[in-house]
Amino acid sequence: MPAPSGDSPTPRIPHGMLVRALVGADRAEWLRMRRALWPTSDDDEHAREVRDFLESGAGPVAVFVADRGAGANLGGFLEMGLRSYAEGCRSSPVPYIEGWYVDPDLRRRGVGEALVEAAEAWARERGHTEIASDTAPDNEASLAAHERLGFAVTDRMVCFRKELGQE
């Protein structure tokens, strides 16, 4: 699978697609897919994060895309981060799948798996021994996809928030 440095081959995936590292020309498509994955996030925030990554490398440490080829739209993306801690992991830092999206017409056709394989190869090439991810407990499709690809559930949690008013 590809690495952002271009030092690995880029194999074909189903439907003549190619998984590769994100490039500047992918800006609009990456933005479209981020909006689909995180629809409640502010459009300006998405645009800023995309711009910051493409112009200065800020944000994710790597982004892989599923290229439909022949000038067509992209079909998916995976954003990798490095976290100092991830539940159930023994190493640090831990490569972490921060975002993983496949267009609806390509789901269950190997595209998501190919994106994860690219992330795994990227992590191995850098000496990492594990990779982590998360999903909402009620996201059955994501839970099933993670389990199909060999991820093991390490924890289930409920997060809390309390607003502090003025005294």
Foldseek 3Di string as FASTA:
>chain_A
DEAQVRPDDWDAAPQRKTKYWDAPVLLVLVLVQVCVQVVVDDSVVSNVVSCCCRPPNPDFVTKIWIGNDPPDGTFWMWGWHWCQDDFPDDDPRAIEGPDTDGHPVCPPRCPSVVNVVNSVVNCVVVPDDDHYYDDAPPPVVVVVVCVVNPDDDRDDDDDDDDDDDDD
